[in-house]
Amino acid sequence: QLQFVESGGGLVQPGGSLRLSCAASGFTLDSYTIGWFRQAPGKELEGLSCISGSDGSNYYTDSVKGRFTISRDNAKNTVYLQMNSLKPEDTAVYYCAAGSLIVQRMCLMGPRIGRFWGQGTQVTVSS
């Protein structure tokens, strides 16, 4: 089955950090732009950060810029999202998806056209 397996979520206090992992199953990452997305309760799925498979360029939405860092390890077929300075409003289920768009467009359009969605991983930021 072609999908991502997300992991690394959990409960963390405000100001804390988590590192999410997104492992590809059944396909290789290096041909795709990969994005991290999240969906908070009652809200739409939103793109957070995307990374190119060709040149490693990346994009961050304003809400996470300076706090989150995306990276990929093609040898491990895995993409990571390091999340620092977490806030209660970061509470959501986090997903990754693949596409063939440039990074900014992937983050904007990924919720509609992204492929290989996994089950997601829950991140809860609370004291």
Foldseek 3Di string as FASTA:
>chain_A
DWAWDKDWADEAAAQAKIKMKIATDPDFDLQWKKWKWWDDPPGDIATAKIAHSDPGDMDGDPVQPPFWDWDDDRVRSMIMIIGGRDDQVVWTFMWMFTDHDPHVVCRVCVVPDTDRIDPTDTHGYHD
